[in-house]
Amino acid sequence: MDLWELMVPAQYGLTLVSSGFNACYFAAYTQGRLLPRRRVGALVMAVLSAATFVESLVYTGALGQGLSRDQIPLLGSGPWLLSRLLASGGSLLVSGLILRSLASSLGSRGEEPETRDTRHETRDGKGTRRG
């Protein structure tokens, strides 16, 4: 068994778990009290995460069926490896940001989540609003 045969299923497994977690988180996040643009952003992230999940699920299934890089030449190519590493890395980074946010919110229990646009406010909560 060579390194490829160990690395690829592990990479797909990590991507499968992290993108599934991300999709569930963002799907649940769309149900909260949010500004419309945040709801749309969460929906977009849920769809992208679900797409990454399904892609990883399909490739994991192909590998589970015994298909190898000899049978699917694309699986052994440099561009394939780069694209999958980028997708996997992106999914893992998003999962890390979600976990950091969840850990932060556990530390500040009892506070309401941010549901308004504060980009034009100063530190004292005052500022100009532009429509």
Foldseek 3Di string as FASTA:
>chain_A
DDPLLVPVLVLLVLLLVLLVVLLVVLVVVLPDQADVVVSVVSVVSNVLSVVSNVVSVVVNVCVVVVDDCVNVVLSPDPVSVVVSVVSSVVSVVSSVVVVVVVVVCVVVPPDDDDHDDCPQADPVRDGDDDD
